[in-house]
Amino acid sequence: MLINISQLDPNKLNDLQMTELLYKNLEDDNVIGDLIFVPGSNKAVEYRLPKAIELYEQGRANKIIFSGGVKCEGRDITEAQLLKQEAMRKGIPEKDIIIEDISLHSKENVIASLLVIDRALNLHHIKRILVVTTNFHMRRFNLTLKTFMPDWINYSICSVDDQTTKEDNWFNYPLGRKRVEMESSKLINYVKQGFIIDEEVDITF
């Protein structure tokens, strides 16, 4: 049934319901866009960067923004700087890469990127963003974009899998379960607190 995220109780969801909340109806529409948006993480180079490069090489968008100000473990550079460095090493021209490297979490990824995108490309020219993040993080990140980005921008969902938090296996791994339970709770609580906009989801009851 269709229900608003704000009506859900994170403490009363079973495995199927959490799977539907985080993964269901988030497919790529294969539409051409203006910008590929990649939020950073400690595994972004391994999982998110290859998808961004694939989209760029397919001609889906000709600019990429890497966002993330957290310093990478064992490195003196930020997530965004590392993503740019690795993207260039794999053949993406520097002129087509934008970075935002002061944000510390998903909300800041979006807010801090607004000015960066506007200065580089002019926000009024951006009609569609291709969103690249891990599948279990996608719904919350997409709603964060919809909350803070201009309302004329549309989004294409370009999710990527990691090894232990796929739609069909997260419940088999302690780390996958921890991530899904935490993400479900964050998503619902952020909506209830008004941090991000509400949305209908299709949940089995």
N, C-alpha and C. Protein backbone atom coordinates (compact mmCIF):
# COMPACT_ATOMS: atom_id res chain seq x y z
N MET A 1 0.84 -1.20 0.00
CA MET A 1 0.00 0.00 0.00
C MET A 1 0.87 1.25 0.00
N LEU A 2 0.33 2.34 -0.54
CA LEU A 2 1.06 3.60 -0.54
C LEU A 2 0.89 4.29 0.81
N ILE A 3 1.99 4.71 1.39
CA ILE A 3 1.94 5.37 2.69
C ILE A 3 3.07 6.40 2.75
N ASN A 4 2.83 7.49 3.43
CA ASN A 4 3.88 8.50 3.58
C ASN A 4 4.96 7.98 4.53
N ILE A 5 6.19 8.33 4.23
CA ILE A 5 7.30 7.94 5.10
C ILE A 5 7.06 8.42 6.53
N SER A 6 6.47 9.59 6.68
CA SER A 6 6.21 10.17 8.01
C SER A 6 5.26 9.34 8.86
N GLN A 7 4.52 8.44 8.24
CA GLN A 7 3.56 7.60 8.97
C GLN A 7 4.19 6.30 9.47
N LEU A 8 5.42 6.06 9.09
CA LEU A 8 6.06 4.81 9.46
C LEU A 8 6.75 4.91 10.82
N ASP A 9 6.84 3.79 11.50
CA ASP A 9 7.56 3.69 12.77
C ASP A 9 8.80 2.83 12.53
N PRO A 10 10.00 3.40 12.65
CA PRO A 10 11.21 2.62 12.34
C PRO A 10 11.40 1.41 13.24
N ASN A 11 10.78 1.42 14.40
CA ASN A 11 10.93 0.30 15.33
C ASN A 11 9.98 -0.85 15.06
N LYS A 12 9.07 -0.66 14.08
CA LYS A 12 8.05 -1.69 13.82
C LYS A 12 8.12 -2.24 12.40
N LEU A 13 9.23 -2.00 11.70
CA LEU A 13 9.36 -2.48 10.33
C LEU A 13 10.04 -3.85 10.31
N ASN A 14 9.49 -4.76 9.52
CA ASN A 14 10.16 -6.04 9.33
C ASN A 14 11.14 -5.94 8.16
N ASP A 15 11.83 -7.05 7.87
CA ASP A 15 12.87 -7.01 6.84
C ASP A 15 12.30 -6.64 5.47
N LEU A 16 11.15 -7.20 5.11
CA LEU A 16 10.55 -6.88 3.82
C LEU A 16 10.20 -5.40 3.74
N GLN A 17 9.63 -4.86 4.80
CA GLN A 17 9.23 -3.45 4.80
C GLN A 17 10.44 -2.52 4.71
N MET A 18 11.53 -2.85 5.40
CA MET A 18 12.74 -2.03 5.29
C MET A 18 13.32 -2.11 3.88
N THR A 19 13.26 -3.30 3.29
CA THR A 19 13.74 -3.46 1.91
C THR A 19 12.92 -2.59 0.97
N GLU A 20 11.61 -2.62 1.12
CA GLU A 20 10.75 -1.81 0.25
C GLU A 20 10.96 -0.32 0.48
N LEU A 21 11.14 0.06 1.73
CA LEU A 21 11.35 1.47 2.05
C LEU A 21 12.61 2.02 1.37
N LEU A 22 13.69 1.26 1.42
CA LEU A 22 14.97 1.78 0.93
C LEU A 22 15.22 1.50 -0.54
N TYR A 23 14.69 0.42 -1.08
CA TYR A 23 15.11 -0.03 -2.41
C TYR A 23 14.01 0.03 -3.48
N LYS A 24 12.76 -0.02 -3.09
CA LYS A 24 11.69 -0.22 -4.08
C LYS A 24 11.43 1.03 -4.92
N ASN A 25 11.18 0.81 -6.21
CA ASN A 25 10.80 1.88 -7.15
C ASN A 25 11.87 2.97 -7.26
N LEU A 26 13.12 2.57 -7.24
CA LEU A 26 14.22 3.51 -7.45
C LEU A 26 15.07 3.00 -8.62
N GLU A 27 14.51 3.12 -9.82
CA GLU A 27 15.19 2.62 -11.02
C GLU A 27 15.66 3.78 -11.89
N ASP A 28 16.71 3.54 -12.64
CA ASP A 28 17.24 4.52 -13.58
C ASP A 28 16.27 4.66 -14.76
N ASP A 29 15.93 5.91 -15.10
CA ASP A 29 15.04 6.15 -16.24
C ASP A 29 15.83 6.33 -17.55
N ASN A 30 17.16 6.28 -17.45
CA ASN A 30 18.04 6.36 -18.63
C ASN A 30 17.92 7.67 -19.41
N VAL A 31 17.48 8.72 -18.76
CA VAL A 31 17.34 10.02 -19.41
C VAL A 31 18.69 10.75 -19.37
N ILE A 32 18.96 11.52 -20.41
CA ILE A 32 20.17 12.35 -20.47
C ILE A 32 20.04 13.49 -19.46
N GLY A 33 21.15 13.83 -18.78
CA GLY A 33 21.13 14.90 -17.79
C GLY A 33 22.21 15.93 -18.03
N ASP A 34 22.33 16.85 -17.10
CA ASP A 34 23.30 17.94 -17.19
C ASP A 34 24.50 17.74 -16.28
N LEU A 35 24.33 16.93 -15.25
CA LEU A 35 25.35 16.82 -14.21
C LEU A 35 25.22 15.49 -13.50
N ILE A 36 26.35 14.86 -13.23
CA ILE A 36 26.40 13.64 -12.42
C ILE A 36 26.83 14.05 -11.01
N PHE A 37 26.03 13.72 -10.02
CA PHE A 37 26.29 14.12 -8.63
C PHE A 37 26.71 12.90 -7.83
N VAL A 38 27.93 12.95 -7.27
CA VAL A 38 28.47 11.82 -6.51
C VAL A 38 28.86 12.28 -5.11
N PRO A 39 28.07 11.95 -4.07
CA PRO A 39 28.49 12.25 -2.71
C PRO A 39 29.60 11.29 -2.28
N GLY A 40 30.52 11.78 -1.48
CA GLY A 40 31.65 10.97 -1.06
C GLY A 40 31.31 10.00 0.06
N SER A 41 32.17 9.02 0.22
CA SER A 41 32.12 8.09 1.35
C SER A 41 33.48 7.40 1.39
N ASN A 42 33.71 6.60 2.41
CA ASN A 42 35.03 5.95 2.49
C ASN A 42 35.21 4.86 1.44
N LYS A 43 34.11 4.46 0.79
CA LYS A 43 34.19 3.44 -0.26
C LYS A 43 33.73 4.00 -1.61
N ALA A 44 33.60 5.32 -1.73
CA ALA A 44 33.06 5.90 -2.96
C ALA A 44 33.92 5.62 -4.18
N VAL A 45 35.23 5.60 -4.00
CA VAL A 45 36.11 5.31 -5.14
C VAL A 45 35.87 3.91 -5.67
N GLU A 46 35.60 2.99 -4.75
CA GLU A 46 35.41 1.59 -5.14
C GLU A 46 34.05 1.35 -5.79
N TYR A 47 32.99 1.98 -5.25
CA TYR A 47 31.64 1.66 -5.71
C TYR A 47 30.97 2.75 -6.53
N ARG A 48 31.10 4.00 -6.13
CA ARG A 48 30.36 5.07 -6.80
C ARG A 48 31.09 5.62 -8.01
N LEU A 49 32.40 5.73 -7.92
CA LEU A 49 33.17 6.31 -9.02
C LEU A 49 33.03 5.54 -10.33
N PRO A 50 33.11 4.20 -10.33
CA PRO A 50 32.95 3.49 -11.60
C PRO A 50 31.63 3.77 -12.29
N LYS A 51 30.55 3.92 -11.52
CA LYS A 51 29.24 4.23 -12.11
C LYS A 51 29.25 5.62 -12.72
N ALA A 52 29.84 6.58 -12.02
CA ALA A 52 29.91 7.96 -12.54
C ALA A 52 30.68 8.00 -13.85
N ILE A 53 31.80 7.28 -13.89
CA ILE A 53 32.61 7.23 -15.12
C ILE A 53 31.83 6.57 -16.25
N GLU A 54 31.12 5.50 -15.93
CA GLU A 54 30.30 4.81 -16.93
C GLU A 54 29.25 5.76 -17.52
N LEU A 55 28.56 6.51 -16.67
CA LEU A 55 27.54 7.45 -17.14
C LEU A 55 28.16 8.54 -18.01
N TYR A 56 29.30 9.05 -17.57
CA TYR A 56 30.00 10.09 -18.34
C TYR A 56 30.39 9.55 -19.71
N GLU A 57 30.97 8.36 -19.75
CA GLU A 57 31.43 7.79 -21.01
C GLU A 57 30.27 7.41 -21.93
N GLN A 58 29.11 7.14 -21.35
CA GLN A 58 27.92 6.86 -22.15
C GLN A 58 27.31 8.14 -22.74
N GLY A 59 27.79 9.29 -22.27
CA GLY A 59 27.23 10.55 -22.74
C GLY A 59 25.96 10.96 -22.02
N ARG A 60 25.70 10.37 -20.86
CA ARG A 60 24.48 10.72 -20.11
C ARG A 60 24.56 12.13 -19.54
N ALA A 61 25.77 12.60 -19.21
CA ALA A 61 26.02 13.97 -18.76
C ALA A 61 27.49 14.26 -18.98
N ASN A 62 27.81 15.55 -19.19
CA ASN A 62 29.21 15.88 -19.51
C ASN A 62 29.95 16.60 -18.39
N LYS A 63 29.33 16.65 -17.20
CA LYS A 63 29.99 17.22 -16.03
C LYS A 63 29.73 16.32 -14.83
N ILE A 64 30.72 16.25 -13.93
CA ILE A 64 30.57 15.47 -12.70
C ILE A 64 30.92 16.36 -11.52
N ILE A 65 30.10 16.32 -10.47
CA ILE A 65 30.49 16.96 -9.22
C ILE A 65 30.74 15.88 -8.18
N PHE A 66 31.89 15.94 -7.54
CA PHE A 66 32.22 15.09 -6.40
C PHE A 66 32.10 15.95 -5.15
N SER A 67 31.34 15.45 -4.17
CA SER A 67 31.06 16.23 -2.97
C SER A 67 31.50 15.46 -1.74
N GLY A 68 32.25 16.11 -0.85
CA GLY A 68 32.65 15.45 0.40
C GLY A 68 33.90 16.04 0.98
N GLY A 69 33.79 16.56 2.20
CA GLY A 69 34.91 17.20 2.86
C GLY A 69 35.58 16.37 3.93
N VAL A 70 35.09 15.15 4.15
CA VAL A 70 35.69 14.28 5.15
C VAL A 70 37.04 13.81 4.64
N LYS A 71 38.04 13.85 5.51
CA LYS A 71 39.37 13.37 5.13
C LYS A 71 39.36 11.84 5.03
N CYS A 72 39.89 11.34 3.95
CA CYS A 72 39.95 9.90 3.73
C CYS A 72 40.90 9.25 4.73
N GLU A 73 40.52 8.06 5.19
CA GLU A 73 41.34 7.35 6.17
C GLU A 73 42.74 7.10 5.62
N GLY A 74 43.74 7.52 6.38
CA GLY A 74 45.12 7.31 5.97
C GLY A 74 45.61 8.27 4.91
N ARG A 75 44.79 9.27 4.57
CA ARG A 75 45.17 10.24 3.53
C ARG A 75 44.97 11.65 4.05
N ASP A 76 45.65 12.59 3.43
CA ASP A 76 45.53 13.99 3.84
C ASP A 76 44.66 14.78 2.86
N ILE A 77 43.83 14.08 2.11
CA ILE A 77 42.93 14.76 1.18
C ILE A 77 41.49 14.34 1.46
N THR A 78 40.56 15.13 0.98
CA THR A 78 39.14 14.85 1.23
C THR A 78 38.60 13.81 0.26
N GLU A 79 37.40 13.32 0.59
CA GLU A 79 36.73 12.36 -0.29
C GLU A 79 36.60 12.92 -1.70
N ALA A 80 36.17 14.18 -1.81
CA ALA A 80 35.98 14.78 -3.13
C ALA A 80 37.29 14.90 -3.90
N GLN A 81 38.33 15.28 -3.20
CA GLN A 81 39.64 15.41 -3.86
C GLN A 81 40.15 14.05 -4.35
N LEU A 82 39.95 13.02 -3.54
CA LEU A 82 40.38 11.68 -3.94
C LEU A 82 39.57 11.20 -5.14
N LEU A 83 38.27 11.44 -5.13
CA LEU A 83 37.43 11.04 -6.26
C LEU A 83 37.87 11.74 -7.54
N LYS A 84 38.16 13.03 -7.45
CA LYS A 84 38.64 13.77 -8.62
C LYS A 84 39.96 13.19 -9.11
N GLN A 85 40.87 12.95 -8.19
CA GLN A 85 42.19 12.41 -8.53
C GLN A 85 42.06 11.08 -9.27
N GLU A 86 41.20 10.21 -8.75
CA GLU A 86 41.04 8.89 -9.35
C GLU A 86 40.28 8.97 -10.68
N ALA A 87 39.32 9.89 -10.77
CA ALA A 87 38.58 10.06 -12.02
C ALA A 87 39.50 10.52 -13.13
N MET A 88 40.38 11.46 -12.82
CA MET A 88 41.32 11.95 -13.82
C MET A 88 42.30 10.85 -14.21
N ARG A 89 42.69 10.04 -13.24
CA ARG A 89 43.60 8.93 -13.53
C ARG A 89 42.96 7.93 -14.49
N LYS A 90 41.62 7.87 -14.45
CA LYS A 90 40.89 6.95 -15.32
C LYS A 90 40.41 7.63 -16.61
N GLY A 91 40.88 8.85 -16.84
CA GLY A 91 40.64 9.46 -18.13
C GLY A 91 39.59 10.56 -18.21
N ILE A 92 38.98 10.93 -17.09
CA ILE A 92 38.00 12.01 -17.12
C ILE A 92 38.75 13.34 -17.14
N PRO A 93 38.47 14.23 -18.10
CA PRO A 93 39.19 15.51 -18.19
C PRO A 93 38.90 16.40 -16.97
N GLU A 94 39.92 17.07 -16.49
CA GLU A 94 39.76 17.94 -15.32
C GLU A 94 38.71 19.01 -15.55
N LYS A 95 38.58 19.49 -16.78
CA LYS A 95 37.61 20.56 -17.09
C LYS A 95 36.17 20.12 -16.87
N ASP A 96 35.93 18.82 -16.82
CA ASP A 96 34.57 18.31 -16.65
C ASP A 96 34.29 17.86 -15.22
N ILE A 97 35.20 18.15 -14.31
CA ILE A 97 35.05 17.75 -12.90
C ILE A 97 34.93 18.98 -12.02
N ILE A 98 33.92 18.96 -11.14
CA ILE A 98 33.72 20.01 -10.14
C ILE A 98 33.84 19.32 -8.78
N ILE A 99 34.43 19.98 -7.81
CA ILE A 99 34.44 19.39 -6.48
C ILE A 99 33.93 20.37 -5.44
N GLU A 100 33.29 19.79 -4.43
CA GLU A 100 32.85 20.51 -3.23
C GLU A 100 33.49 19.76 -2.08
N ASP A 101 34.35 20.40 -1.31
CA ASP A 101 35.12 19.63 -0.32
C ASP A 101 35.10 20.23 1.08
N ILE A 102 33.92 20.73 1.49
CA ILE A 102 33.79 21.17 2.89
C ILE A 102 32.67 20.42 3.63
N SER A 103 31.80 19.71 2.91
CA SER A 103 30.65 19.06 3.54
C SER A 103 31.08 17.85 4.36
N LEU A 104 30.28 17.56 5.40
CA LEU A 104 30.60 16.47 6.31
C LEU A 104 29.53 15.38 6.37
N HIS A 105 28.39 15.60 5.74
CA HIS A 105 27.32 14.58 5.71
C HIS A 105 26.38 14.89 4.55
N SER A 106 25.36 14.06 4.38
CA SER A 106 24.51 14.12 3.19
C SER A 106 23.83 15.48 2.99
N LYS A 107 23.26 16.03 4.05
CA LYS A 107 22.60 17.33 3.92
C LYS A 107 23.60 18.39 3.46
N GLU A 108 24.78 18.39 4.03
CA GLU A 108 25.80 19.37 3.64
C GLU A 108 26.32 19.10 2.23
N ASN A 109 26.36 17.83 1.81
CA ASN A 109 26.73 17.53 0.42
C ASN A 109 25.89 18.36 -0.53
N VAL A 110 24.60 18.40 -0.26
CA VAL A 110 23.66 19.11 -1.15
C VAL A 110 23.78 20.62 -0.98
N ILE A 111 23.71 21.09 0.26
CA ILE A 111 23.70 22.54 0.49
C ILE A 111 25.01 23.17 0.05
N ALA A 112 26.13 22.56 0.39
CA ALA A 112 27.43 23.12 0.02
C ALA A 112 27.67 23.07 -1.48
N SER A 113 27.03 22.13 -2.16
CA SER A 113 27.21 22.00 -3.60
C SER A 113 26.43 23.03 -4.39
N LEU A 114 25.41 23.62 -3.79
CA LEU A 114 24.59 24.60 -4.51
C LEU A 114 25.42 25.74 -5.07
N LEU A 115 26.22 26.35 -4.23
CA LEU A 115 27.03 27.48 -4.67
C LEU A 115 28.10 27.04 -5.66
N VAL A 116 28.69 25.88 -5.41
CA VAL A 116 29.72 25.36 -6.30
C VAL A 116 29.16 25.13 -7.70
N ILE A 117 27.98 24.49 -7.75
CA ILE A 117 27.35 24.23 -9.05
C ILE A 117 26.96 25.54 -9.73
N ASP A 118 26.42 26.46 -8.95
CA ASP A 118 26.00 27.73 -9.54
C ASP A 118 27.18 28.49 -10.13
N ARG A 119 28.29 28.52 -9.40
CA ARG A 119 29.47 29.24 -9.89
C ARG A 119 30.06 28.58 -11.13
N ALA A 120 30.02 27.25 -11.16
CA ALA A 120 30.65 26.54 -12.28
C ALA A 120 29.77 26.44 -13.51
N LEU A 121 28.46 26.23 -13.28
CA LEU A 121 27.58 25.90 -14.40
C LEU A 121 26.34 26.77 -14.50
N ASN A 122 26.06 27.57 -13.49
CA ASN A 122 24.82 28.34 -13.37
C ASN A 122 23.63 27.41 -13.11
N LEU A 123 23.09 27.49 -11.93
CA LEU A 123 22.01 26.57 -11.52
C LEU A 123 20.83 26.59 -12.47
N HIS A 124 20.53 27.76 -13.05
CA HIS A 124 19.34 27.83 -13.91
C HIS A 124 19.53 27.04 -15.20
N HIS A 125 20.76 26.60 -15.49
CA HIS A 125 21.02 25.76 -16.65
C HIS A 125 20.85 24.27 -16.33
N ILE A 126 20.76 23.94 -15.05
CA ILE A 126 20.68 22.53 -14.64
C ILE A 126 19.22 22.10 -14.59
N LYS A 127 18.85 21.20 -15.47
CA LYS A 127 17.47 20.71 -15.52
C LYS A 127 17.34 19.28 -14.98
N ARG A 128 18.43 18.50 -15.10
CA ARG A 128 18.39 17.12 -14.61
C ARG A 128 19.75 16.73 -14.05
N ILE A 129 19.73 16.11 -12.87
CA ILE A 129 20.93 15.60 -12.22
C ILE A 129 20.85 14.08 -12.16
N LEU A 130 21.94 13.42 -12.54
CA LEU A 130 22.05 11.98 -12.39
C LEU A 130 22.68 11.70 -11.02
N VAL A 131 21.95 11.04 -10.16
CA VAL A 131 22.37 10.85 -8.78
C VAL A 131 23.05 9.49 -8.64
N VAL A 132 24.30 9.50 -8.18
CA VAL A 132 25.06 8.25 -8.02
C VAL A 132 25.41 8.06 -6.54
N THR A 133 24.79 7.08 -5.93
CA THR A 133 25.15 6.69 -4.57
C THR A 133 24.76 5.24 -4.37
N THR A 134 25.14 4.67 -3.24
CA THR A 134 24.78 3.29 -2.96
C THR A 134 23.27 3.15 -2.82
N ASN A 135 22.76 1.99 -3.20
CA ASN A 135 21.31 1.82 -3.29
C ASN A 135 20.59 2.05 -1.97
N PHE A 136 21.15 1.62 -0.86
CA PHE A 136 20.44 1.78 0.42
C PHE A 136 20.42 3.24 0.89
N HIS A 137 21.31 4.07 0.37
CA HIS A 137 21.41 5.49 0.73
C HIS A 137 20.58 6.37 -0.22
N MET A 138 20.14 5.79 -1.35
CA MET A 138 19.60 6.60 -2.44
C MET A 138 18.32 7.35 -2.08
N ARG A 139 17.36 6.70 -1.42
CA ARG A 139 16.09 7.40 -1.19
C ARG A 139 16.30 8.64 -0.31
N ARG A 140 17.07 8.49 0.76
CA ARG A 140 17.30 9.65 1.63
C ARG A 140 18.08 10.74 0.90
N PHE A 141 19.09 10.35 0.14
CA PHE A 141 19.88 11.36 -0.56
C PHE A 141 19.06 12.05 -1.64
N ASN A 142 18.23 11.28 -2.34
CA ASN A 142 17.38 11.88 -3.37
C ASN A 142 16.37 12.85 -2.76
N LEU A 143 15.80 12.49 -1.61
CA LEU A 143 14.87 13.40 -0.93
C LEU A 143 15.59 14.64 -0.41
N THR A 144 16.85 14.48 -0.02
CA THR A 144 17.63 15.64 0.42
C THR A 144 17.86 16.59 -0.75
N LEU A 145 18.16 16.05 -1.92
CA LEU A 145 18.29 16.89 -3.12
C LEU A 145 16.98 17.61 -3.42
N LYS A 146 15.87 16.88 -3.35
CA LYS A 146 14.56 17.48 -3.65
C LYS A 146 14.20 18.55 -2.63
N THR A 147 14.70 18.42 -1.41
CA THR A 147 14.41 19.39 -0.36
C THR A 147 15.14 20.70 -0.58
N PHE A 148 16.42 20.63 -0.95
CA PHE A 148 17.27 21.82 -0.94
C PHE A 148 17.64 22.36 -2.32
N MET A 149 17.55 21.54 -3.35
CA MET A 149 17.86 22.01 -4.70
C MET A 149 16.64 22.75 -5.27
N PRO A 150 16.83 23.60 -6.29
CA PRO A 150 15.70 24.28 -6.92
C PRO A 150 14.68 23.27 -7.45
N ASP A 151 13.40 23.66 -7.40
CA ASP A 151 12.35 22.69 -7.74
C ASP A 151 12.19 22.43 -9.23
N TRP A 152 12.93 23.16 -10.08
CA TRP A 152 12.85 22.87 -11.51
C TRP A 152 13.77 21.72 -11.92
N ILE A 153 14.61 21.26 -11.00
CA ILE A 153 15.55 20.20 -11.34
C ILE A 153 14.89 18.83 -11.16
N ASN A 154 15.08 17.95 -12.15
CA ASN A 154 14.63 16.57 -12.07
C ASN A 154 15.83 15.66 -11.81
N TYR A 155 15.53 14.41 -11.44
CA TYR A 155 16.60 13.50 -11.03
C TYR A 155 16.47 12.14 -11.70
N SER A 156 17.59 11.59 -12.10
CA SER A 156 17.66 10.20 -12.55
C SER A 156 18.42 9.41 -11.49
N ILE A 157 17.86 8.28 -11.10
CA ILE A 157 18.39 7.45 -10.03
C ILE A 157 19.40 6.46 -10.60
N CYS A 158 20.66 6.59 -10.22
CA CYS A 158 21.72 5.72 -10.74
C CYS A 158 22.41 5.03 -9.57
N SER A 159 21.71 4.10 -8.97
CA SER A 159 22.20 3.42 -7.76
C SER A 159 23.30 2.43 -8.08
N VAL A 160 24.15 2.19 -7.08
CA VAL A 160 25.18 1.16 -7.20
C VAL A 160 25.11 0.23 -6.00
N ASP A 161 25.49 -1.01 -6.22
CA ASP A 161 25.56 -2.00 -5.15
C ASP A 161 26.94 -2.02 -4.51
N ASP A 162 26.96 -2.27 -3.19
CA ASP A 162 28.21 -2.71 -2.59
C ASP A 162 28.07 -4.21 -2.36
N GLN A 163 28.97 -4.81 -1.63
CA GLN A 163 28.95 -6.27 -1.53
C GLN A 163 27.93 -6.81 -0.53
N THR A 164 27.74 -6.10 0.59
CA THR A 164 26.95 -6.68 1.69
C THR A 164 25.66 -5.93 1.98
N THR A 165 25.29 -4.97 1.13
CA THR A 165 24.06 -4.23 1.40
C THR A 165 23.21 -4.14 0.13
N LYS A 166 23.18 -5.23 -0.63
CA LYS A 166 22.32 -5.30 -1.80
C LYS A 166 20.88 -5.57 -1.35
N GLU A 167 19.95 -5.27 -2.25
CA GLU A 167 18.54 -5.49 -1.95
C GLU A 167 18.25 -6.94 -1.56
N ASP A 168 18.96 -7.87 -2.18
CA ASP A 168 18.65 -9.28 -1.96
C ASP A 168 19.59 -10.00 -1.00
N ASN A 169 20.50 -9.23 -0.33
CA ASN A 169 21.40 -9.97 0.58
C ASN A 169 21.72 -9.24 1.88
N TRP A 170 21.25 -8.01 2.08
CA TRP A 170 21.67 -7.23 3.24
C TRP A 170 21.37 -7.96 4.55
N PHE A 171 20.27 -8.71 4.57
CA PHE A 171 19.82 -9.40 5.79
C PHE A 171 20.70 -10.59 6.14
N ASN A 172 21.62 -10.95 5.24
CA ASN A 172 22.52 -12.08 5.50
C ASN A 172 23.83 -11.66 6.17
N TYR A 173 24.06 -10.36 6.31
CA TYR A 173 25.34 -9.87 6.83
C TYR A 173 25.10 -8.91 7.99
N PRO A 174 25.83 -9.07 9.08
CA PRO A 174 25.67 -8.14 10.22
C PRO A 174 25.86 -6.67 9.82
N LEU A 175 26.86 -6.38 8.99
CA LEU A 175 27.09 -5.00 8.56
C LEU A 175 25.95 -4.52 7.67
N GLY A 176 25.47 -5.37 6.78
CA GLY A 176 24.35 -5.00 5.93
C GLY A 176 23.10 -4.71 6.75
N ARG A 177 22.83 -5.55 7.72
CA ARG A 177 21.66 -5.33 8.58
C ARG A 177 21.81 -4.03 9.37
N LYS A 178 22.98 -3.80 9.91
CA LYS A 178 23.21 -2.56 10.66
C LYS A 178 22.96 -1.34 9.78
N ARG A 179 23.48 -1.37 8.57
CA ARG A 179 23.31 -0.24 7.66
C ARG A 179 21.85 0.00 7.31
N VAL A 180 21.13 -1.07 6.97
CA VAL A 180 19.74 -0.94 6.56
C VAL A 180 18.87 -0.47 7.72
N GLU A 181 19.08 -1.02 8.89
CA GLU A 181 18.29 -0.59 10.05
C GLU A 181 18.58 0.87 10.40
N MET A 182 19.86 1.27 10.35
CA MET A 182 20.21 2.67 10.65
C MET A 182 19.66 3.61 9.58
N GLU A 183 19.76 3.20 8.33
CA GLU A 183 19.29 4.05 7.24
C GLU A 183 17.78 4.21 7.28
N SER A 184 17.06 3.13 7.56
CA SER A 184 15.60 3.21 7.68
C SER A 184 15.20 4.17 8.79
N SER A 185 15.88 4.06 9.92
CA SER A 185 15.59 4.94 11.05
C SER A 185 15.91 6.40 10.72
N LYS A 186 17.07 6.64 10.11
CA LYS A 186 17.44 8.01 9.73
C LYS A 186 16.42 8.61 8.78
N LEU A 187 16.07 7.85 7.75
CA LEU A 187 15.15 8.35 6.74
C LEU A 187 13.82 8.75 7.37
N ILE A 188 13.24 7.86 8.15
CA ILE A 188 11.94 8.13 8.76
C ILE A 188 12.03 9.30 9.74
N ASN A 189 13.03 9.30 10.60
CA ASN A 189 13.15 10.35 11.61
C ASN A 189 13.45 11.72 10.99
N TYR A 190 14.27 11.75 9.94
CA TYR A 190 14.56 13.03 9.28
C TYR A 190 13.30 13.60 8.64
N VAL A 191 12.47 12.73 8.07
CA VAL A 191 11.20 13.21 7.49
C VAL A 191 10.28 13.71 8.60
N LYS A 192 10.15 12.93 9.67
CA LYS A 192 9.26 13.33 10.77
C LYS A 192 9.69 14.67 11.39
N GLN A 193 11.01 14.91 11.44
CA GLN A 193 11.52 16.15 12.04
C GLN A 193 11.51 17.32 11.05
N GLY A 194 11.15 17.04 9.81
CA GLY A 194 11.09 18.11 8.81
C GLY A 194 12.42 18.46 8.18
N PHE A 195 13.44 17.62 8.40
CA PHE A 195 14.75 17.89 7.80
C PHE A 195 14.71 17.69 6.29
N ILE A 196 13.93 16.70 5.84
CA ILE A 196 13.75 16.46 4.41
C ILE A 196 12.26 16.27 4.13
N ILE A 197 11.89 16.44 2.87
CA ILE A 197 10.48 16.37 2.51
C ILE A 197 9.95 14.94 2.63
N ASP A 198 8.64 14.85 2.78
CA ASP A 198 7.97 13.57 2.88
C ASP A 198 7.70 13.02 1.47
N GLU A 199 7.44 11.71 1.40
CA GLU A 199 7.17 11.10 0.11
C GLU A 199 6.37 9.82 0.34
N GLU A 200 5.54 9.49 -0.60
CA GLU A 200 4.82 8.22 -0.54
C GLU A 200 5.74 7.08 -0.96
N VAL A 201 5.65 5.97 -0.24
CA VAL A 201 6.37 4.76 -0.60
C VAL A 201 5.39 3.60 -0.61
N ASP A 202 5.72 2.57 -1.36
CA ASP A 202 4.85 1.40 -1.49
C ASP A 202 5.36 0.31 -0.56
N ILE A 203 4.64 0.10 0.54
CA ILE A 203 5.06 -0.83 1.60
C ILE A 203 4.02 -1.91 1.78
N THR A 204 4.45 -3.13 1.99
CA THR A 204 3.56 -4.24 2.24
C THR A 204 3.17 -4.31 3.72
N PHE A 205 1.86 -4.31 3.99
CA PHE A 205 1.36 -4.46 5.37
C PHE A 205 0.40 -5.63 5.44
